[in-house]
Amino acid sequence: MDVRDDMLRRLKARADGFSLEQPFYIDPDFHRVDLEEIWYKDWLFIGHDCEIPRAGNYFTVQVGDYPVVIVRGKDGVIRAFHNTCRHRGHRVCTQERGASARLVCPYHQWTYDLDGSLVFARQMGEDFDKAQFGMKLVACESVAGYIFICLAATPSDFAPVRASIEPYMKPHRLWEAKVAHRNTIIEKGNWKLVWENNRECYHCASNHPELCRTYPEAPSATGVQGAKDDPVIAEHWARCEAAGLPSEFRIDPSGQFRTARMPLIQDAESYTMTGRRAVRRPLSDEVTTSHIGTMLLFHYPTTWNHILVDHAISFRVLPLSAEETAVTTTWLVHRDAVEGVDYDLDELTHVWNMTNDQDRRIVEENAFGIRSPAYEPGPYSPEHEGGVMQFVEWYTTFMTNRLQGKAAPLSAVA
């Protein structure tokens, strides 16, 4: 049976409220279809404006088979290109990040301007037309300090994403922030397992002692189920909205992305062991209200985020193989915050460094068990795992329609 037909048959047969069958988590052919139908066709969070603040600053990323370079041009515009020289395919930018007045392929020194145009190609003959061999563009959008790319030849409309998330993020002025710290861990599990683990706190009490000092374990804190009926959350939304901070739970009809501002435990303001702010200088000069909790942004398949009063944390998910996933965590602070004066780096990063490593072990043990021939899909908790159910429902509906050649319809799951 063709792998796509097999996937479609299994998706249609999946019992509501149950995890996926084993091949969705371990099979290289299933993973290849995930890449082709999701990762190569949809908008992906890839980084931050503030990572490339000046003309010529760039960073590179690998999405499946596609090497991509993101660069700020002389005109200030952020662009993305396929990181493949138009001469013989060598990667133009071979470092993870850097700065250059022009992009020069190290193989034969073909040289590109920051807008991707080819400006120099040595000894290519009189009839050679440089204008025909610029770097190939990748669709790129920047919204409130976040950079998204889409590898599709005809990208879907980004406007719904922008309209949904920009009002929530704009007060935090993240395009003006700076990176305090960044790290990447490799989790030996499928990208969907990484997301399933993230989408619930059913496991938090017994696995995340540091995080649980400030982040509530209540299912309503995920922003998927019961949030509106929780009086603590309702009061928090009303107070933040009155201060000009959009806060109420909002999910796109497709189920792919959502935002909500959630309170932390009691008087906590930040993800620290004490609950006190990790950074003396507020993240944004515009946000002066205290105890704003965390602004949660989720966008499948690449990112979840926490934006607090003193700093922001972004998480970027990229699949490396059917059973390996790279998770990059970036801590952002006010551009004028000084390490050692306004914040201590260990204090700033401790809670999520610990939590990330704990989640890595959980995902890897989860993957280990799923490899067993005895594995079969199990039921999610309707009380605690609504977020996981929503993610798996999104994936199931999305992939079913893609495999049937249809545009993804609106999802009723919230």
Protein backbone atom coordinates (compact mmCIF):
# COMPACT_ATOMS: atom_id res chain seq x y z
CA MET A 1 0.00 0.00 0.00
CA ASP A 2 1.22 3.49 -0.85
CA VAL A 3 2.44 5.31 2.27
CA ARG A 4 0.03 8.20 1.70
CA ASP A 5 -2.91 5.83 1.35
CA ASP A 6 -1.77 4.04 4.50
CA MET A 7 -1.55 7.31 6.44
CA LEU A 8 -4.97 8.41 5.24
CA ARG A 9 -6.56 5.09 6.16
CA ARG A 10 -5.07 5.22 9.68
CA LEU A 11 -6.06 8.84 10.22
CA LYS A 12 -9.64 8.17 9.21
CA ALA A 13 -9.75 5.17 11.53
CA ARG A 14 -8.28 6.97 14.56
CA ALA A 15 -10.53 6.87 17.61
CA ASP A 16 -11.42 10.34 18.92
CA GLY A 17 -9.48 11.23 22.04
CA PHE A 18 -6.74 8.63 21.43
CA SER A 19 -3.08 9.01 20.49
CA LEU A 20 -1.83 8.21 17.01
CA GLU A 21 -0.73 4.82 15.77
CA GLN A 22 2.94 3.85 16.00
CA PRO A 23 4.08 4.71 12.43
CA PHE A 24 3.16 8.39 12.92
CA TYR A 25 5.86 8.60 15.59
CA ILE A 26 8.65 6.43 14.19
CA ASP A 27 8.26 5.64 10.50
CA PRO A 28 10.68 7.52 8.14
CA ASP A 29 8.19 7.35 5.26
CA PHE A 30 5.40 8.86 7.39
CA HIS A 31 7.86 11.52 8.48
CA ARG A 32 8.69 12.32 4.85
CA VAL A 33 5.00 12.95 4.17
CA ASP A 34 4.82 15.21 7.25
CA LEU A 35 7.67 17.24 5.78
CA GLU A 36 6.09 17.43 2.34
CA GLU A 37 2.58 18.30 3.50
CA ILE A 38 3.25 20.50 6.55
CA TRP A 39 6.84 21.68 6.89
CA TYR A 40 7.38 22.44 3.20
CA LYS A 41 4.00 24.12 2.71
CA ASP A 42 3.12 26.11 5.82
CA TRP A 43 4.37 29.19 7.63
CA LEU A 44 7.14 28.38 10.10
CA PHE A 45 8.48 30.56 12.93
CA ILE A 46 12.19 30.75 12.30
CA GLY A 47 13.68 33.50 14.49
CA HIS A 48 13.55 37.10 15.68
CA ASP A 49 14.11 40.47 14.02
CA CYS A 50 16.50 41.41 16.80
CA GLU A 51 18.81 38.51 15.90
CA ILE A 52 19.74 40.43 12.74
CA PRO A 53 19.55 44.10 13.83
CA ARG A 54 21.85 45.59 11.17
CA ALA A 55 22.25 45.33 7.41
CA GLY A 56 24.29 42.26 6.51
CA ASN A 57 23.44 40.35 9.69
CA TYR A 58 22.21 36.85 8.84
CA PHE A 59 21.42 33.46 10.32
CA THR A 60 20.92 30.09 8.70
CA VAL A 61 18.55 27.23 9.35
CA GLN A 62 17.85 23.76 7.95
CA VAL A 63 14.22 22.72 7.40
CA GLY A 64 14.23 19.10 6.26
CA ASP A 65 16.14 19.11 2.98
CA TYR A 66 16.04 22.89 2.63
CA PRO A 67 18.95 25.08 3.80
CA VAL A 68 17.73 28.67 4.25
CA VAL A 69 19.49 31.94 5.05
CA ILE A 70 17.66 34.91 6.60
CA VAL A 71 19.36 38.29 6.12
CA ARG A 72 18.63 41.96 6.75
CA GLY A 73 19.12 44.06 3.64
CA LYS A 74 20.61 47.50 3.24
CA ASP A 75 17.06 48.80 3.04
CA GLY A 76 16.29 47.29 6.46
CA VAL A 77 14.01 44.63 4.98
CA ILE A 78 14.38 41.06 6.29
CA ARG A 79 14.48 38.50 3.49
CA ALA A 80 14.94 34.75 3.29
CA PHE A 81 16.68 32.84 0.51
CA HIS A 82 17.35 29.25 -0.39
CA ASN A 83 20.92 28.90 0.85
CA THR A 84 22.09 27.27 -2.38
CA CYS A 85 24.45 28.90 -4.83
CA ARG A 86 22.99 29.28 -8.33
CA HIS A 87 26.31 28.09 -9.77
CA ARG A 88 26.68 24.49 -8.58
CA GLY A 89 24.59 24.34 -5.42
CA HIS A 90 27.19 24.86 -2.67
CA ARG A 91 25.78 26.50 0.45
CA VAL A 92 26.44 30.21 0.24
CA CYS A 93 26.44 30.82 4.01
CA THR A 94 28.02 27.93 5.89
CA GLN A 95 28.01 29.41 9.40
CA GLU A 96 25.03 29.43 11.77
CA ARG A 97 25.08 33.23 11.91
CA GLY A 98 27.27 36.10 10.87
CA ALA A 99 27.56 39.51 9.22
CA SER A 100 28.71 40.42 5.73
CA ALA A 101 28.34 43.31 3.30
CA ARG A 102 27.59 40.70 0.61
CA LEU A 103 26.95 36.96 0.57
CA VAL A 104 29.87 35.13 -1.01
CA CYS A 105 29.80 31.44 -1.92
CA PRO A 106 33.09 29.96 -0.65
CA TYR A 107 33.32 27.47 -3.54
CA HIS A 108 33.87 29.74 -6.55
CA GLN A 109 33.22 33.16 -4.98
CA TRP A 110 29.94 33.89 -6.72
CA THR A 111 28.84 37.01 -4.86
CA TYR A 112 25.31 38.11 -4.06
CA ASP A 113 24.01 41.42 -2.78
CA LEU A 114 21.87 41.41 0.35
CA ASP A 115 18.73 41.48 -1.82
CA GLY A 116 19.82 38.19 -3.40
CA SER A 117 20.91 39.60 -6.76
CA LEU A 118 24.08 38.16 -8.27
CA VAL A 119 26.71 40.88 -8.55
CA PHE A 120 29.87 38.91 -9.36
CA ALA A 121 30.58 35.62 -11.14
CA ARG A 122 34.14 35.21 -12.36
CA GLN A 123 34.90 34.25 -15.97
CA MET A 124 31.45 33.03 -17.01
CA GLY A 125 31.67 34.26 -20.61
CA GLU A 126 30.37 37.26 -22.49
CA ASP A 127 26.82 35.95 -22.89
CA PHE A 128 26.31 35.22 -19.19
CA ASP A 129 23.40 37.22 -17.73
CA LYS A 130 23.86 37.75 -13.98
CA ALA A 131 20.27 38.95 -13.66
CA GLN A 132 19.02 35.42 -14.31
CA PHE A 133 20.94 33.83 -11.44
CA GLY A 134 20.05 35.60 -8.22
CA MET A 135 19.46 33.59 -5.05
CA LYS A 136 15.98 32.08 -4.91
CA LEU A 137 13.62 33.85 -2.53
CA VAL A 138 11.78 32.11 0.28
CA ALA A 139 8.53 33.76 1.40
CA CYS A 140 9.28 35.74 4.56
CA GLU A 141 7.12 37.78 6.92
CA SER A 142 7.98 39.68 10.07
CA VAL A 143 5.29 40.31 12.68
CA ALA A 144 5.92 42.13 15.97
CA GLY A 145 9.52 40.94 16.11
CA TYR A 146 8.92 37.34 14.97
CA ILE A 147 10.13 36.06 11.58
CA PHE A 148 8.11 33.43 9.70
CA ILE A 149 9.06 31.73 6.44
CA CYS A 150 7.17 29.52 4.00
CA LEU A 151 8.93 27.17 1.58
CA ALA A 152 5.90 26.67 -0.67
CA ALA A 153 6.08 27.97 -4.23
CA THR A 154 2.70 29.60 -3.60
CA PRO A 155 2.48 30.41 0.11
CA SER A 156 -0.84 30.61 1.90
CA ASP A 157 -2.04 34.03 3.02
CA PHE A 158 -0.13 35.19 6.10
CA ALA A 159 -2.66 37.92 6.90
CA PRO A 160 -4.79 35.80 9.29
CA VAL A 161 -1.71 34.99 11.38
CA ARG A 162 -0.67 38.63 11.51
CA ALA A 163 -4.16 39.85 12.38
CA SER A 164 -4.49 37.32 15.18
CA ILE A 165 -1.16 37.60 16.97
CA GLU A 166 0.11 41.13 16.30
CA PRO A 167 -2.24 42.95 18.74
CA TYR A 168 -1.17 40.63 21.57
CA MET A 169 2.55 40.92 20.87
CA LYS A 170 2.97 44.51 19.73
CA PRO A 171 2.97 46.15 23.22
CA HIS A 172 6.08 44.11 24.11
CA ARG A 173 8.14 45.65 21.27
CA LEU A 174 10.16 42.49 20.72
CA TRP A 175 11.65 43.80 17.48
CA GLU A 176 13.65 46.16 19.73
CA ALA A 177 14.69 43.51 22.27
CA LYS A 178 17.98 41.67 22.39
CA VAL A 179 18.94 38.02 22.80
CA ALA A 180 20.20 37.35 26.32
CA HIS A 181 20.73 33.65 25.72
CA ARG A 182 19.99 30.91 23.22
CA ASN A 183 20.45 27.16 23.25
CA THR A 184 19.37 24.16 21.22
CA ILE A 185 18.74 20.67 22.55
CA ILE A 186 18.14 17.53 20.51
CA GLU A 187 15.23 15.42 21.70
CA LYS A 188 15.25 11.83 20.47
CA GLY A 189 11.59 11.71 19.61
CA ASN A 190 9.22 12.68 16.80
CA TRP A 191 8.21 16.33 16.54
CA LYS A 192 4.61 15.43 17.36
CA LEU A 193 5.70 13.86 20.66
CA VAL A 194 7.50 17.10 21.52
CA TRP A 195 4.27 18.99 20.91
CA GLU A 196 2.06 16.50 22.76
CA ASN A 197 4.27 16.76 25.82
CA ASN A 198 4.16 20.55 25.66
CA ARG A 199 0.40 20.76 25.32
CA GLU A 200 -0.49 19.48 28.81
CA CYS A 201 0.55 19.90 32.41
CA TYR A 202 -0.86 16.56 33.54
CA HIS A 203 2.78 15.54 34.00
CA CYS A 204 4.05 18.76 35.59
CA ALA A 205 3.70 18.09 39.33
CA SER A 206 5.84 14.97 39.22
CA ASN A 207 8.32 16.16 36.60
CA HIS A 208 8.76 19.95 36.74
CA PRO A 209 9.35 21.13 40.33
CA GLU A 210 11.03 24.36 39.19
CA LEU A 211 8.31 25.34 36.74
CA CYS A 212 5.53 24.50 39.16
CA ARG A 213 6.77 27.17 41.57
CA THR A 214 5.27 29.80 39.25
CA TYR A 215 3.20 28.12 36.51
CA PRO A 216 -0.26 26.76 37.44
CA GLU A 217 -1.04 23.11 36.80
CA ALA A 218 -4.75 23.78 36.23
CA PRO A 219 -5.93 22.53 32.80
CA SER A 220 -7.52 25.94 32.18
CA ALA A 221 -4.03 27.50 32.20
CA THR A 222 -3.35 25.96 28.80
CA GLY A 223 -6.00 28.25 27.37
CA VAL A 224 -7.84 25.46 25.61
CA GLN A 225 -10.57 24.35 27.97
CA GLY A 226 -12.39 26.07 30.79
CA ALA A 227 -10.30 29.25 30.81
CA LYS A 228 -13.23 31.58 30.33
CA ASP A 229 -15.08 29.97 33.24
CA ASP A 230 -12.12 30.21 35.62
CA PRO A 231 -12.73 33.33 37.80
CA VAL A 232 -9.00 33.87 38.40
CA ILE A 233 -8.29 33.87 34.67
CA ALA A 234 -11.36 35.98 33.88
CA GLU A 235 -10.28 38.61 36.43
CA HIS A 236 -6.74 38.54 35.03
CA TRP A 237 -7.99 39.09 31.50
CA ALA A 238 -10.19 42.00 32.57
CA ARG A 239 -7.34 43.71 34.45
CA CYS A 240 -4.83 43.29 31.61
CA GLU A 241 -7.31 44.31 28.92
CA ALA A 242 -8.06 47.47 30.93
CA ALA A 243 -4.32 48.22 30.85
CA GLY A 244 -4.31 47.97 27.06
CA LEU A 245 -2.96 44.43 26.82
CA PRO A 246 -5.09 42.07 24.68
CA SER A 247 -5.45 38.96 26.80
CA GLU A 248 -8.51 36.81 26.17
CA PHE A 249 -8.12 33.38 24.64
CA ARG A 250 -8.23 33.57 20.85
CA ILE A 251 -7.80 30.61 18.49
CA ASP A 252 -7.84 30.57 14.72
CA PRO A 253 -10.77 28.58 13.30
CA SER A 254 -8.25 26.13 11.79
CA GLY A 255 -6.88 25.36 15.25
CA GLN A 256 -3.33 26.04 14.05
CA PHE A 257 -2.48 29.10 16.14
CA ARG A 258 -3.77 30.79 19.26
CA THR A 259 -2.99 33.44 21.87
CA ALA A 260 -3.96 34.04 25.51
CA ARG A 261 -2.51 35.85 28.52
CA MET A 262 -2.49 33.62 31.60
CA PRO A 263 -1.79 34.47 35.24
CA LEU A 264 1.07 32.89 37.10
CA ILE A 265 0.71 31.46 40.60
CA GLN A 266 -0.20 33.96 43.33
CA ASP A 267 2.20 36.94 43.25
CA ALA A 268 4.69 35.46 40.76
CA GLU A 269 5.77 37.74 37.93
CA SER A 270 8.44 35.69 36.21
CA TYR A 271 9.80 32.18 35.73
CA THR A 272 12.29 32.20 38.58
CA MET A 273 12.67 30.09 41.70
CA THR A 274 11.31 32.97 43.79
CA GLY A 275 8.67 34.18 41.35
CA ARG A 276 10.25 37.62 41.37
CA ARG A 277 11.35 39.31 38.18
CA ALA A 278 14.53 37.95 36.65
CA VAL A 279 15.27 41.26 34.90
CA ARG A 280 15.12 44.60 36.70
CA ARG A 281 14.42 46.49 33.50
CA PRO A 282 10.97 45.73 32.04
CA LEU A 283 10.93 44.05 28.65
CA SER A 284 8.97 46.91 27.08
CA ASP A 285 8.86 50.57 28.00
CA GLU A 286 5.18 50.53 27.00
CA VAL A 287 4.11 47.84 29.48
CA THR A 288 4.11 49.34 32.96
CA THR A 289 1.42 47.15 34.58
CA SER A 290 2.77 44.57 37.02
CA HIS A 291 1.67 40.94 37.36
CA ILE A 292 0.61 40.52 33.75
CA GLY A 293 1.34 36.80 33.80
CA THR A 294 2.52 35.17 30.60
CA MET A 295 1.28 35.83 27.09
CA LEU A 296 1.08 32.42 25.43
CA LEU A 297 1.49 32.15 21.67
CA PHE A 298 1.26 28.79 19.94
CA HIS A 299 1.67 28.24 16.20
CA TYR A 300 1.81 24.69 14.88
CA PRO A 301 4.15 23.16 13.89
CA THR A 302 7.07 25.35 14.98
CA THR A 303 6.62 27.48 18.07
CA TRP A 304 5.28 28.07 21.54
CA ASN A 305 6.14 31.22 23.51
CA HIS A 306 5.96 32.93 26.90
CA ILE A 307 6.04 36.74 27.02
CA LEU A 308 6.28 38.17 30.53
CA VAL A 309 6.71 41.61 32.04
CA ASP A 310 10.51 41.31 32.28
CA HIS A 311 11.52 38.94 29.47
CA ALA A 312 10.25 36.71 26.69
CA ILE A 313 11.04 33.11 25.83
CA SER A 314 10.52 31.60 22.39
CA PHE A 315 10.72 27.93 21.54
CA ARG A 316 11.36 26.79 17.97
CA VAL A 317 10.70 23.19 16.95
CA LEU A 318 12.42 21.73 13.87
CA PRO A 319 12.36 18.03 12.89
CA LEU A 320 15.71 16.40 12.17
CA SER A 321 14.38 12.94 11.38
CA ALA A 322 11.42 10.71 12.20
CA GLU A 323 12.84 10.29 15.71
CA GLU A 324 14.89 13.42 16.37
CA THR A 325 13.75 16.99 16.97
CA ALA A 326 15.72 20.17 17.61
CA VAL A 327 14.22 22.57 20.16
CA THR A 328 15.80 26.02 20.26
CA THR A 329 15.02 28.23 23.27
CA THR A 330 15.73 31.97 23.08
CA TRP A 331 15.51 34.40 26.00
CA LEU A 332 14.83 38.04 25.04
CA VAL A 333 15.30 41.07 27.29
CA HIS A 334 15.10 44.86 26.87
CA ARG A 335 17.81 46.00 24.48
CA ASP A 336 19.38 48.20 27.17
CA ALA A 337 19.32 45.55 29.92
CA VAL A 338 22.86 44.75 31.05
CA GLU A 339 23.88 41.25 32.09
CA GLY A 340 25.34 41.27 35.60
CA VAL A 341 23.61 44.56 36.37
CA ASP A 342 19.96 44.18 35.35
CA TYR A 343 19.88 40.39 35.33
CA ASP A 344 21.83 37.31 36.27
CA LEU A 345 21.94 34.87 33.36
CA ASP A 346 21.74 31.75 35.53
CA GLU A 347 18.66 33.06 37.31
CA LEU A 348 17.06 34.12 34.01
CA THR A 349 17.52 30.74 32.34
CA HIS A 350 17.44 28.27 35.25
CA VAL A 351 13.75 27.32 35.29
CA TRP A 352 13.43 26.65 31.57
CA ASN A 353 16.85 25.02 31.25
CA MET A 354 15.74 22.55 33.90
CA THR A 355 12.26 22.18 32.40
CA ASN A 356 13.60 21.64 28.89
CA ASP A 357 15.94 18.90 30.05
CA GLN A 358 13.15 17.25 32.02
CA ASP A 359 10.90 17.38 28.94
CA ARG A 360 13.68 15.97 26.80
CA ARG A 361 13.92 12.91 29.05
CA ILE A 362 10.12 12.52 29.06
CA VAL A 363 9.89 12.68 25.26
CA GLU A 364 12.74 10.21 24.86
CA GLU A 365 11.18 7.72 27.28
CA ASN A 366 7.84 8.21 25.54
CA ALA A 367 9.48 7.48 22.19
CA PHE A 368 11.29 4.47 23.64
CA GLY A 369 8.00 2.93 24.75
CA ILE A 370 6.24 3.69 21.47
CA ARG A 371 8.87 1.68 19.59
CA SER A 372 7.65 -1.46 21.37
CA PRO A 373 5.61 -3.86 19.20
CA ALA A 374 3.18 -3.91 22.13
CA TYR A 375 2.35 -0.20 21.80
CA GLU A 376 -1.16 0.77 20.80
CA PRO A 377 -2.89 4.15 20.93
CA GLY A 378 -4.13 5.12 24.39
CA PRO A 379 -6.82 7.55 25.62
CA TYR A 380 -6.07 11.13 26.62
CA SER A 381 -7.48 12.56 29.83
CA PRO A 382 -10.44 14.80 28.93
CA GLU A 383 -9.83 16.72 32.18
CA HIS A 384 -6.12 17.39 31.77
CA GLU A 385 -5.11 16.76 28.17
CA GLY A 386 -7.48 18.96 26.19
CA GLY A 387 -4.49 20.73 24.66
CA VAL A 388 -3.02 17.46 23.43
CA MET A 389 -6.38 16.39 22.04
CA GLN A 390 -6.62 19.72 20.21
CA PHE A 391 -3.14 19.33 18.71
CA VAL A 392 -3.74 15.76 17.56
CA GLU A 393 -7.15 16.73 16.18
CA TRP A 394 -5.52 19.59 14.27
CA TYR A 395 -2.86 17.25 12.87
CA THR A 396 -5.42 14.57 11.96
CA THR A 397 -7.80 16.98 10.22
CA PHE A 398 -4.99 18.91 8.55
CA MET A 399 -3.21 15.84 7.18
CA THR A 400 -6.43 14.08 6.17
CA ASN A 401 -7.38 17.01 3.99
CA ARG A 402 -3.89 17.48 2.60
CA LEU A 403 -3.69 13.79 1.69
CA GLN A 404 -7.06 14.08 -0.01
CA GLY A 405 -5.86 17.11 -1.94
CA LYS A 406 -8.09 19.56 -0.12
CA ALA A 407 -7.34 22.80 1.67
CA ALA A 408 -7.54 22.34 5.43
CA PRO A 409 -11.11 23.18 6.53
CA LEU A 410 -12.10 25.04 9.63
CA SER A 411 -11.80 22.97 12.79
CA ALA A 412 -14.44 22.87 15.47
CA VAL A 413 -11.91 21.91 18.11
CA ALA A 414 -11.06 24.65 20.61
